[in-house]
N, C-alpha and C. Protein backbone atom coordinates (compact mmCIF):
# COMPACT_ATOMS: atom_id res chain seq x y z
N MET A 1 137.53 96.96 87.87
CA MET A 1 136.44 96.10 87.46
C MET A 1 136.22 95.01 88.51
N ILE A 2 135.02 94.53 88.57
CA ILE A 2 134.66 93.47 89.51
C ILE A 2 134.89 92.13 88.82
N SER A 3 135.60 91.24 89.47
CA SER A 3 135.88 89.94 88.87
C SER A 3 135.22 88.81 89.66
N PHE A 4 134.01 89.02 90.10
CA PHE A 4 133.28 88.04 90.89
C PHE A 4 132.64 87.00 89.98
N THR A 5 132.90 85.74 90.26
CA THR A 5 132.22 84.65 89.57
C THR A 5 131.54 83.80 90.63
N PRO A 6 130.21 83.79 90.62
CA PRO A 6 129.50 83.04 91.66
C PRO A 6 129.61 81.53 91.46
N SER A 7 129.39 80.80 92.53
CA SER A 7 129.29 79.34 92.41
C SER A 7 127.96 79.03 91.73
N PHE A 8 127.75 77.77 91.40
CA PHE A 8 126.51 77.35 90.74
C PHE A 8 125.29 77.71 91.61
N THR A 9 125.35 77.40 92.88
CA THR A 9 124.24 77.70 93.79
C THR A 9 124.05 79.21 93.95
N GLN A 10 125.14 79.93 94.10
CA GLN A 10 125.05 81.39 94.21
C GLN A 10 124.44 82.00 92.94
N ALA A 11 124.78 81.44 91.80
CA ALA A 11 124.24 81.96 90.53
C ALA A 11 122.73 81.84 90.51
N TRP A 12 122.20 80.72 90.96
CA TRP A 12 120.74 80.56 90.98
C TRP A 12 120.09 81.53 91.98
N TRP A 13 120.73 81.74 93.11
CA TRP A 13 120.20 82.72 94.07
C TRP A 13 120.24 84.13 93.49
N LEU A 14 121.36 84.47 92.84
CA LEU A 14 121.46 85.80 92.22
C LEU A 14 120.43 85.96 91.11
N LEU A 15 120.18 84.89 90.36
CA LEU A 15 119.16 84.96 89.31
C LEU A 15 117.79 85.20 89.94
N SER A 16 117.51 84.56 91.05
CA SER A 16 116.24 84.77 91.75
C SER A 16 116.08 86.23 92.18
N ILE A 17 117.16 86.80 92.68
CA ILE A 17 117.12 88.21 93.10
C ILE A 17 116.97 89.11 91.88
N ALA A 18 117.65 88.77 90.79
CA ALA A 18 117.52 89.54 89.55
C ALA A 18 116.08 89.51 89.04
N ILE A 19 115.44 88.36 89.13
CA ILE A 19 114.04 88.24 88.72
C ILE A 19 113.16 89.12 89.60
N PHE A 20 113.43 89.12 90.90
CA PHE A 20 112.66 89.97 91.82
C PHE A 20 112.77 91.44 91.40
N PHE A 21 114.00 91.91 91.12
CA PHE A 21 114.18 93.30 90.70
C PHE A 21 113.52 93.58 89.36
N GLU A 22 113.56 92.61 88.45
CA GLU A 22 112.91 92.79 87.15
C GLU A 22 111.40 92.95 87.33
N ILE A 23 110.83 92.14 88.19
CA ILE A 23 109.39 92.22 88.46
C ILE A 23 109.06 93.58 89.09
N CYS A 24 109.87 94.01 90.04
CA CYS A 24 109.64 95.32 90.67
C CYS A 24 109.71 96.44 89.63
N GLY A 25 110.69 96.37 88.73
CA GLY A 25 110.81 97.38 87.69
C GLY A 25 109.61 97.40 86.76
N THR A 26 109.13 96.22 86.41
CA THR A 26 107.98 96.13 85.51
C THR A 26 106.72 96.63 86.18
N VAL A 27 106.53 96.30 87.45
CA VAL A 27 105.37 96.82 88.18
C VAL A 27 105.44 98.34 88.28
N CYS A 28 106.65 98.87 88.47
CA CYS A 28 106.81 100.33 88.52
C CYS A 28 106.45 100.99 87.20
N MET A 29 106.61 100.26 86.08
CA MET A 29 106.16 100.82 84.80
C MET A 29 104.68 101.14 84.85
N ARG A 30 103.92 100.21 85.40
CA ARG A 30 102.47 100.42 85.52
C ARG A 30 102.17 101.54 86.52
N LEU A 31 102.89 101.54 87.62
CA LEU A 31 102.65 102.53 88.67
C LEU A 31 103.09 103.93 88.26
N SER A 32 104.00 104.03 87.29
CA SER A 32 104.51 105.35 86.88
C SER A 32 103.47 106.15 86.10
N ASP A 33 102.44 105.47 85.62
CA ASP A 33 101.37 106.13 84.87
C ASP A 33 101.94 106.95 83.71
N GLY A 34 102.72 106.23 82.87
CA GLY A 34 103.30 106.89 81.70
C GLY A 34 104.34 107.95 82.05
N PHE A 35 105.18 107.66 83.03
CA PHE A 35 106.21 108.58 83.51
C PHE A 35 105.65 109.86 84.12
N SER A 36 104.40 109.84 84.55
CA SER A 36 103.83 111.04 85.16
C SER A 36 103.99 111.05 86.68
N ARG A 37 104.42 109.94 87.26
CA ARG A 37 104.67 109.87 88.70
C ARG A 37 106.17 109.65 88.90
N PHE A 38 106.80 110.56 89.64
CA PHE A 38 108.26 110.61 89.71
C PHE A 38 108.88 109.34 90.32
N THR A 39 108.46 108.97 91.52
CA THR A 39 109.14 107.88 92.23
C THR A 39 109.09 106.56 91.46
N PRO A 40 107.92 106.09 91.03
CA PRO A 40 107.95 104.83 90.27
C PRO A 40 108.70 104.96 88.95
N SER A 41 108.69 106.15 88.35
CA SER A 41 109.44 106.35 87.10
C SER A 41 110.94 106.16 87.31
N VAL A 42 111.46 106.69 88.40
CA VAL A 42 112.88 106.53 88.71
C VAL A 42 113.18 105.08 89.09
N LEU A 43 112.28 104.46 89.85
CA LEU A 43 112.51 103.10 90.32
C LEU A 43 112.55 102.09 89.18
N ILE A 44 111.88 102.38 88.07
CA ILE A 44 111.97 101.49 86.90
C ILE A 44 113.44 101.26 86.56
N PHE A 45 114.18 102.35 86.44
CA PHE A 45 115.57 102.28 86.02
C PHE A 45 116.47 101.70 87.11
N VAL A 46 116.18 102.03 88.35
CA VAL A 46 116.97 101.51 89.47
C VAL A 46 116.83 99.99 89.54
N PHE A 47 115.58 99.51 89.52
CA PHE A 47 115.35 98.07 89.62
C PHE A 47 115.92 97.31 88.43
N TYR A 48 115.74 97.85 87.23
CA TYR A 48 116.29 97.16 86.06
C TYR A 48 117.82 97.20 86.06
N ALA A 49 118.42 98.25 86.55
CA ALA A 49 119.88 98.31 86.64
C ALA A 49 120.41 97.21 87.56
N PHE A 50 119.78 97.05 88.72
CA PHE A 50 120.18 95.97 89.63
C PHE A 50 120.00 94.61 88.98
N SER A 51 118.86 94.43 88.31
CA SER A 51 118.57 93.16 87.67
C SER A 51 119.61 92.82 86.61
N PHE A 52 119.91 93.77 85.73
CA PHE A 52 120.89 93.53 84.68
C PHE A 52 122.29 93.31 85.26
N ALA A 53 122.63 94.04 86.30
CA ALA A 53 123.94 93.87 86.92
C ALA A 53 124.09 92.46 87.48
N LEU A 54 123.07 91.98 88.17
CA LEU A 54 123.12 90.62 88.71
C LEU A 54 123.19 89.59 87.59
N ASN A 55 122.41 89.80 86.54
CA ASN A 55 122.43 88.87 85.41
C ASN A 55 123.81 88.79 84.76
N THR A 56 124.54 89.88 84.78
CA THR A 56 125.88 89.90 84.21
C THR A 56 126.80 88.91 84.91
N PHE A 57 126.64 88.77 86.22
CA PHE A 57 127.43 87.79 86.96
C PHE A 57 126.90 86.37 86.74
N VAL A 58 125.59 86.24 86.68
CA VAL A 58 124.97 84.93 86.56
C VAL A 58 125.31 84.25 85.23
N VAL A 59 125.36 85.02 84.14
CA VAL A 59 125.63 84.41 82.83
C VAL A 59 127.04 83.82 82.76
N ARG A 60 127.92 84.21 83.65
CA ARG A 60 129.26 83.61 83.69
C ARG A 60 129.19 82.13 84.05
N VAL A 61 128.16 81.75 84.81
CA VAL A 61 128.07 80.39 85.32
C VAL A 61 126.99 79.57 84.61
N LEU A 62 125.82 80.15 84.43
CA LEU A 62 124.68 79.39 83.92
C LEU A 62 124.51 79.46 82.41
N GLY A 63 125.11 80.41 81.78
CA GLY A 63 124.97 80.54 80.33
C GLY A 63 123.83 81.47 79.95
N LEU A 64 124.00 82.15 78.86
CA LEU A 64 123.05 83.18 78.43
C LEU A 64 121.66 82.64 78.14
N SER A 65 121.56 81.54 77.41
CA SER A 65 120.24 81.06 77.00
C SER A 65 119.36 80.69 78.20
N ILE A 66 119.93 79.99 79.16
CA ILE A 66 119.12 79.59 80.31
C ILE A 66 118.83 80.78 81.22
N VAL A 67 119.80 81.66 81.40
CA VAL A 67 119.58 82.83 82.26
C VAL A 67 118.47 83.71 81.70
N TYR A 68 118.55 84.01 80.42
CA TYR A 68 117.54 84.89 79.84
C TYR A 68 116.18 84.23 79.80
N ALA A 69 116.13 82.94 79.50
CA ALA A 69 114.85 82.23 79.46
C ALA A 69 114.19 82.22 80.84
N VAL A 70 114.96 81.90 81.86
CA VAL A 70 114.39 81.85 83.21
C VAL A 70 114.04 83.25 83.69
N TRP A 71 114.94 84.20 83.49
CA TRP A 71 114.71 85.58 83.93
C TRP A 71 113.45 86.16 83.29
N SER A 72 113.37 86.08 81.98
CA SER A 72 112.21 86.67 81.30
C SER A 72 110.95 85.84 81.50
N GLY A 73 111.09 84.52 81.48
CA GLY A 73 109.91 83.65 81.61
C GLY A 73 109.27 83.73 82.99
N VAL A 74 110.08 83.55 84.01
CA VAL A 74 109.55 83.62 85.38
C VAL A 74 109.05 85.03 85.66
N GLY A 75 109.80 86.03 85.22
CA GLY A 75 109.34 87.41 85.39
C GLY A 75 108.01 87.67 84.70
N THR A 76 107.85 87.12 83.50
CA THR A 76 106.59 87.29 82.76
C THR A 76 105.43 86.64 83.50
N VAL A 77 105.62 85.42 83.95
CA VAL A 77 104.54 84.69 84.62
C VAL A 77 104.14 85.38 85.93
N ILE A 78 105.12 85.78 86.72
CA ILE A 78 104.80 86.44 88.00
C ILE A 78 104.20 87.82 87.76
N THR A 79 104.72 88.54 86.78
CA THR A 79 104.17 89.85 86.46
C THR A 79 102.73 89.73 85.97
N ALA A 80 102.46 88.72 85.17
CA ALA A 80 101.08 88.50 84.71
C ALA A 80 100.17 88.20 85.89
N ALA A 81 100.66 87.39 86.83
CA ALA A 81 99.86 87.08 88.02
C ALA A 81 99.60 88.34 88.85
N ILE A 82 100.60 89.20 88.98
CA ILE A 82 100.42 90.46 89.69
C ILE A 82 99.40 91.34 88.97
N GLY A 83 99.49 91.37 87.65
CA GLY A 83 98.51 92.14 86.87
C GLY A 83 97.09 91.66 87.10
N ILE A 84 96.92 90.36 87.14
CA ILE A 84 95.60 89.78 87.36
C ILE A 84 95.13 90.03 88.79
N TRP A 85 96.02 89.78 89.74
CA TRP A 85 95.63 89.87 91.15
C TRP A 85 95.55 91.31 91.64
N TYR A 86 96.60 92.09 91.44
CA TYR A 86 96.66 93.42 92.04
C TYR A 86 95.99 94.49 91.18
N PHE A 87 96.25 94.44 89.87
CA PHE A 87 95.71 95.47 88.98
C PHE A 87 94.36 95.08 88.38
N LYS A 88 93.85 93.93 88.78
CA LYS A 88 92.52 93.45 88.37
C LYS A 88 92.37 93.36 86.85
N GLU A 89 93.44 92.92 86.18
CA GLU A 89 93.36 92.72 84.73
C GLU A 89 92.50 91.49 84.46
N PRO A 90 91.82 91.46 83.33
CA PRO A 90 90.93 90.32 83.04
C PRO A 90 91.71 89.02 82.84
N VAL A 91 91.09 87.94 83.30
CA VAL A 91 91.65 86.60 83.11
C VAL A 91 90.88 85.95 81.97
N THR A 92 91.61 85.51 80.97
CA THR A 92 90.97 84.82 79.85
C THR A 92 91.65 83.47 79.67
N ALA A 93 90.96 82.57 78.97
CA ALA A 93 91.54 81.26 78.70
C ALA A 93 92.82 81.42 77.87
N LEU A 94 92.80 82.34 76.91
CA LEU A 94 93.98 82.56 76.08
C LEU A 94 95.15 83.07 76.92
N LYS A 95 94.88 83.96 77.86
CA LYS A 95 95.95 84.49 78.73
C LYS A 95 96.54 83.35 79.57
N LEU A 96 95.69 82.53 80.15
CA LEU A 96 96.18 81.43 80.98
C LEU A 96 96.95 80.40 80.14
N ALA A 97 96.45 80.10 78.95
CA ALA A 97 97.15 79.16 78.07
C ALA A 97 98.51 79.72 77.65
N SER A 98 98.56 81.00 77.39
CA SER A 98 99.82 81.64 76.99
C SER A 98 100.83 81.61 78.13
N ILE A 99 100.37 81.86 79.34
CA ILE A 99 101.25 81.76 80.51
C ILE A 99 101.78 80.34 80.63
N GLY A 100 100.91 79.36 80.42
CA GLY A 100 101.33 77.96 80.45
C GLY A 100 102.40 77.65 79.40
N LEU A 101 102.25 78.23 78.22
CA LEU A 101 103.25 78.02 77.16
C LEU A 101 104.60 78.64 77.52
N VAL A 102 104.56 79.78 78.20
CA VAL A 102 105.82 80.39 78.66
C VAL A 102 106.52 79.45 79.63
N VAL A 103 105.76 78.90 80.56
CA VAL A 103 106.32 77.96 81.55
C VAL A 103 106.91 76.74 80.84
N ILE A 104 106.17 76.19 79.88
CA ILE A 104 106.66 75.02 79.14
C ILE A 104 107.94 75.37 78.38
N GLY A 105 107.99 76.56 77.78
CA GLY A 105 109.18 76.98 77.06
C GLY A 105 110.41 77.10 77.96
N VAL A 106 110.23 77.69 79.12
CA VAL A 106 111.35 77.84 80.06
C VAL A 106 111.81 76.46 80.53
N LEU A 107 110.87 75.59 80.86
CA LEU A 107 111.25 74.24 81.30
C LEU A 107 111.96 73.48 80.18
N GLY A 108 111.50 73.66 78.94
CA GLY A 108 112.14 73.00 77.81
C GLY A 108 113.57 73.48 77.60
N LEU A 109 113.79 74.79 77.69
CA LEU A 109 115.15 75.31 77.56
C LEU A 109 116.04 74.82 78.69
N HIS A 110 115.48 74.79 79.88
CA HIS A 110 116.25 74.31 81.03
C HIS A 110 116.61 72.82 80.84
N ALA A 111 115.65 72.04 80.41
CA ALA A 111 115.91 70.60 80.19
C ALA A 111 116.95 70.39 79.09
N SER A 112 116.87 71.19 78.04
CA SER A 112 117.84 71.02 76.95
C SER A 112 119.24 71.44 77.39
N SER A 113 119.35 72.42 78.27
CA SER A 113 120.68 72.83 78.75
C SER A 113 121.24 71.77 79.68
N ASN A 114 120.37 71.09 80.45
CA ASN A 114 120.85 70.02 81.32
C ASN A 114 121.30 68.82 80.49
N ALA A 115 120.59 68.52 79.42
CA ALA A 115 120.93 67.38 78.57
C ALA A 115 122.26 67.61 77.85
N ALA A 116 122.54 68.86 77.52
CA ALA A 116 123.77 69.18 76.79
C ALA A 116 125.00 69.14 77.68
N SER A 117 124.80 69.29 79.03
CA SER A 117 125.98 69.33 79.90
C SER A 117 126.34 67.99 80.47
């Protein structure tokens, strides 16, 4: 078994890389066209495996609530931006407001974890 525990700074870098892989996996979901395209279909699982593996090390240092909030929140916001920009998905006031609420939620969880420590 691997017994690696990252430092605080390393944990944030690993979380950033995990977010990158999560975004890549989610974009591949769209590119797979319902699992009808082989390469993006396989890459979904590869990218998510890397992302989850990195998160496993990160939660040792940063804690589950903050890791999952940042991972899913930042991934959601960036993925939504990619959907709007690259896949030409419609932009609505409700979509933008919802993205803003995700950002506020992640910042709130982060602030509450800092206050508790």
